[in-house]
Amino acid sequence: MKMVIAIVQDKDSVKLLEELMTKGYRATKLSSSGGFLRSGNTTLLIGVDEEKVSDVIEIIKETCHSREQLVTPMSPVGTTGTESFLPFPVEVVVGGATVFVIDVEEFHKA
């Protein structure tokens, strides 16, 4: 058995969960936040048999797309000088997914 851990943008999480459930996969949803943009993310924990991992990853790829977005960076925490900080919107790539696949030694359902 494998554990697929998918970190996706909140905007993609509802559609991804719907696609996973439609195809018979269960997932546990955890709220999380990113370090760079400090924006909301969703972390999904999906337990699957080893031969189903590629199917789950394909669903994630089809559902979670990268896109460009204008964001206004937050000022650095703990700095006193603001001379190097420019509060102008910058275009960054957001979305997509970060996926980890790990081995599960044991699985118990009560």
C-alpha atoms as a PDB file:
ATOM      1  CA  MET A   1       0.000   0.000   0.000  1.00  0.00           C
ATOM      2  CA  LYS A   2       1.095   3.565  -0.701  1.00  0.00           C
ATOM      3  CA  MET A   3       0.187   6.960   0.716  1.00  0.00           C
ATOM      4  CA  VAL A   4      -0.129   9.726  -1.861  1.00  0.00           C
ATOM      5  CA  ILE A   5       0.248  13.147  -0.247  1.00  0.00           C
ATOM      6  CA  ALA A   6      -0.907  15.909  -2.596  1.00  0.00           C
ATOM      7  CA  ILE A   7      -0.518  19.579  -1.722  1.00  0.00           C
ATOM      8  CA  VAL A   8      -2.768  21.637  -3.990  1.00  0.00           C
ATOM      9  CA  GLN A   9      -4.080  25.178  -4.138  1.00  0.00           C
ATOM     10  CA  ASP A  10      -7.436  25.637  -2.374  1.00  0.00           C
ATOM     11  CA  LYS A  11      -8.923  26.707  -5.694  1.00  0.00           C
ATOM     12  CA  ASP A  12      -8.260  23.220  -7.155  1.00  0.00           C
ATOM     13  CA  SER A  13      -9.149  21.114  -4.121  1.00  0.00           C
ATOM     14  CA  VAL A  14     -12.937  20.858  -4.566  1.00  0.00           C
ATOM     15  CA  LYS A  15     -12.700  19.667  -8.164  1.00  0.00           C
ATOM     16  CA  LEU A  16      -9.875  17.264  -7.292  1.00  0.00           C
ATOM     17  CA  LEU A  17     -11.865  15.720  -4.432  1.00  0.00           C
ATOM     18  CA  GLU A  18     -14.882  15.324  -6.734  1.00  0.00           C
ATOM     19  CA  GLU A  19     -12.758  13.606  -9.407  1.00  0.00           C
ATOM     20  CA  LEU A  20     -11.158  11.278  -6.870  1.00  0.00           C
ATOM     21  CA  MET A  21     -14.514  10.293  -5.345  1.00  0.00           C
ATOM     22  CA  THR A  22     -16.052   9.767  -8.795  1.00  0.00           C
ATOM     23  CA  LYS A  23     -13.277   7.285  -9.566  1.00  0.00           C
ATOM     24  CA  GLY A  24     -13.704   5.487  -6.233  1.00  0.00           C
ATOM     25  CA  TYR A  25     -10.793   6.955  -4.245  1.00  0.00           C
ATOM     26  CA  ARG A  26     -11.119   8.263  -0.711  1.00  0.00           C
ATOM     27  CA  ALA A  27      -9.072  11.138   0.620  1.00  0.00           C
ATOM     28  CA  THR A  28      -8.530  12.931   3.893  1.00  0.00           C
ATOM     29  CA  LYS A  29      -8.454  16.702   3.494  1.00  0.00           C
ATOM     30  CA  LEU A  30      -6.182  18.870   5.655  1.00  0.00           C
ATOM     31  CA  SER A  31      -6.029  22.651   5.538  1.00  0.00           C
ATOM     32  CA  SER A  32      -2.506  23.986   5.150  1.00  0.00           C
ATOM     33  CA  SER A  33      -0.755  27.158   4.097  1.00  0.00           C
ATOM     34  CA  GLY A  34       2.227  27.841   1.902  1.00  0.00           C
ATOM     35  CA  GLY A  35       5.384  29.496   3.085  1.00  0.00           C
ATOM     36  CA  PHE A  36       6.170  31.702   0.103  1.00  0.00           C
ATOM     37  CA  LEU A  37       2.827  33.391  -0.573  1.00  0.00           C
ATOM     38  CA  ARG A  38       1.306  32.459   2.785  1.00  0.00           C
ATOM     39  CA  SER A  39      -1.843  31.488   0.935  1.00  0.00           C
ATOM     40  CA  GLY A  40      -4.239  28.658   1.683  1.00  0.00           C
ATOM     41  CA  ASN A  41      -3.473  25.194   0.406  1.00  0.00           C
ATOM     42  CA  THR A  42      -5.143  21.855   0.818  1.00  0.00           C
ATOM     43  CA  THR A  43      -3.179  18.725   1.641  1.00  0.00           C
ATOM     44  CA  LEU A  44      -4.846  15.471   0.638  1.00  0.00           C
ATOM     45  CA  LEU A  45      -3.878  12.101   2.087  1.00  0.00           C
ATOM     46  CA  ILE A  46      -4.862   9.293  -0.275  1.00  0.00           C
ATOM     47  CA  GLY A  47      -4.192   5.667   0.623  1.00  0.00           C
ATOM     48  CA  VAL A  48      -4.092   3.390  -2.444  1.00  0.00           C
ATOM     49  CA  ASP A  49      -2.754   0.054  -3.604  1.00  0.00           C
ATOM     50  CA  GLU A  50       0.592   0.335  -5.375  1.00  0.00           C
ATOM     51  CA  GLU A  51      -0.862  -0.390  -8.828  1.00  0.00           C
ATOM     52  CA  LYS A  52      -3.334   2.538  -8.434  1.00  0.00           C
ATOM     53  CA  VAL A  53      -0.724   5.224  -7.716  1.00  0.00           C
ATOM     54  CA  SER A  54      -0.235   6.212 -11.359  1.00  0.00           C
ATOM     55  CA  ASP A  55      -4.017   6.566 -11.809  1.00  0.00           C
ATOM     56  CA  VAL A  56      -4.263   8.888  -8.794  1.00  0.00           C
ATOM     57  CA  ILE A  57      -1.313  10.974  -9.995  1.00  0.00           C
ATOM     58  CA  GLU A  58      -2.921  11.265 -13.444  1.00  0.00           C
ATOM     59  CA  ILE A  59      -6.151  12.553 -11.870  1.00  0.00           C
ATOM     60  CA  ILE A  60      -4.124  15.139  -9.929  1.00  0.00           C
ATOM     61  CA  LYS A  61      -2.286  16.235 -13.102  1.00  0.00           C
ATOM     62  CA  GLU A  62      -5.540  16.609 -15.046  1.00  0.00           C
ATOM     63  CA  THR A  63      -7.237  18.590 -12.290  1.00  0.00           C
ATOM     64  CA  CYS A  64      -4.587  20.866 -10.770  1.00  0.00           C
ATOM     65  CA  HIS A  65      -3.109  23.317 -13.248  1.00  0.00           C
ATOM     66  CA  SER A  66      -0.455  25.978 -12.831  1.00  0.00           C
ATOM     67  CA  ARG A  67      -1.470  29.537 -13.621  1.00  0.00           C
ATOM     68  CA  GLU A  68      -0.002  33.004 -13.351  1.00  0.00           C
ATOM     69  CA  GLN A  69      -1.354  35.375 -10.742  1.00  0.00           C
ATOM     70  CA  LEU A  70      -0.527  38.897  -9.609  1.00  0.00           C
ATOM     71  CA  VAL A  71       0.273  39.064  -5.898  1.00  0.00           C
ATOM     72  CA  THR A  72       1.488  41.836  -3.634  1.00  0.00           C
ATOM     73  CA  PRO A  73       4.352  40.478  -1.551  1.00  0.00           C
ATOM     74  CA  MET A  74       4.128  40.871   2.206  1.00  0.00           C
ATOM     75  CA  SER A  75       6.865  42.825   3.954  1.00  0.00           C
ATOM     76  CA  PRO A  76       9.573  40.641   5.467  1.00  0.00           C
ATOM     77  CA  VAL A  77       8.844  39.793   9.093  1.00  0.00           C
ATOM     78  CA  GLY A  78      11.328  40.995  11.677  1.00  0.00           C
ATOM     79  CA  THR A  79      13.080  43.595   9.520  1.00  0.00           C
ATOM     80  CA  THR A  80      13.296  47.237  10.514  1.00  0.00           C
ATOM     81  CA  GLY A  81      14.430  48.712   7.208  1.00  0.00           C
ATOM     82  CA  THR A  82      11.896  49.054   4.437  1.00  0.00           C
ATOM     83  CA  GLU A  83      14.298  50.455   1.849  1.00  0.00           C
ATOM     84  CA  SER A  84      14.692  47.103   0.086  1.00  0.00           C
ATOM     85  CA  PHE A  85      10.997  46.149   0.169  1.00  0.00           C
ATOM     86  CA  LEU A  86       8.902  47.148  -2.844  1.00  0.00           C
ATOM     87  CA  PRO A  87       5.158  46.610  -2.287  1.00  0.00           C
ATOM     88  CA  PHE A  88       4.347  46.325  -5.987  1.00  0.00           C
ATOM     89  CA  PRO A  89       2.354  43.404  -7.382  1.00  0.00           C
ATOM     90  CA  VAL A  90       4.478  40.729  -9.029  1.00  0.00           C
ATOM     91  CA  GLU A  91       3.421  37.933 -11.329  1.00  0.00           C
ATOM     92  CA  VAL A  92       4.050  34.457  -9.944  1.00  0.00           C
ATOM     93  CA  VAL A  93       3.095  30.945 -10.988  1.00  0.00           C
ATOM     94  CA  VAL A  94       0.595  29.339  -8.592  1.00  0.00           C
ATOM     95  CA  GLY A  95      -1.401  26.147  -8.614  1.00  0.00           C
ATOM     96  CA  GLY A  96      -0.352  22.765  -9.827  1.00  0.00           C
ATOM     97  CA  ALA A  97       0.416  20.176  -7.188  1.00  0.00           C
ATOM     98  CA  THR A  98       3.260  18.888  -5.093  1.00  0.00           C
ATOM     99  CA  VAL A  99       2.918  15.126  -4.701  1.00  0.00           C
ATOM    100  CA  PHE A 100       4.737  12.713  -2.415  1.00  0.00           C
ATOM    101  CA  VAL A 101       4.307   8.935  -2.559  1.00  0.00           C
ATOM    102  CA  ILE A 102       5.412   6.984   0.477  1.00  0.00           C
ATOM    103  CA  ASP A 103       5.272   3.345   1.545  1.00  0.00           C
ATOM    104  CA  VAL A 104       2.714   2.332   4.162  1.00  0.00           C
ATOM    105  CA  GLU A 105       3.881  -0.472   6.405  1.00  0.00           C
ATOM    106  CA  GLU A 106       0.501  -1.164   7.962  1.00  0.00           C
ATOM    107  CA  PHE A 107      -3.059  -0.055   7.391  1.00  0.00           C
ATOM    108  CA  HIS A 108      -5.913  -0.555   9.862  1.00  0.00           C
ATOM    109  CA  LYS A 109      -9.497   0.571   9.500  1.00  0.00           C
ATOM    110  CA  ALA A 110     -11.637   0.496  12.643  1.00  0.00           C
END
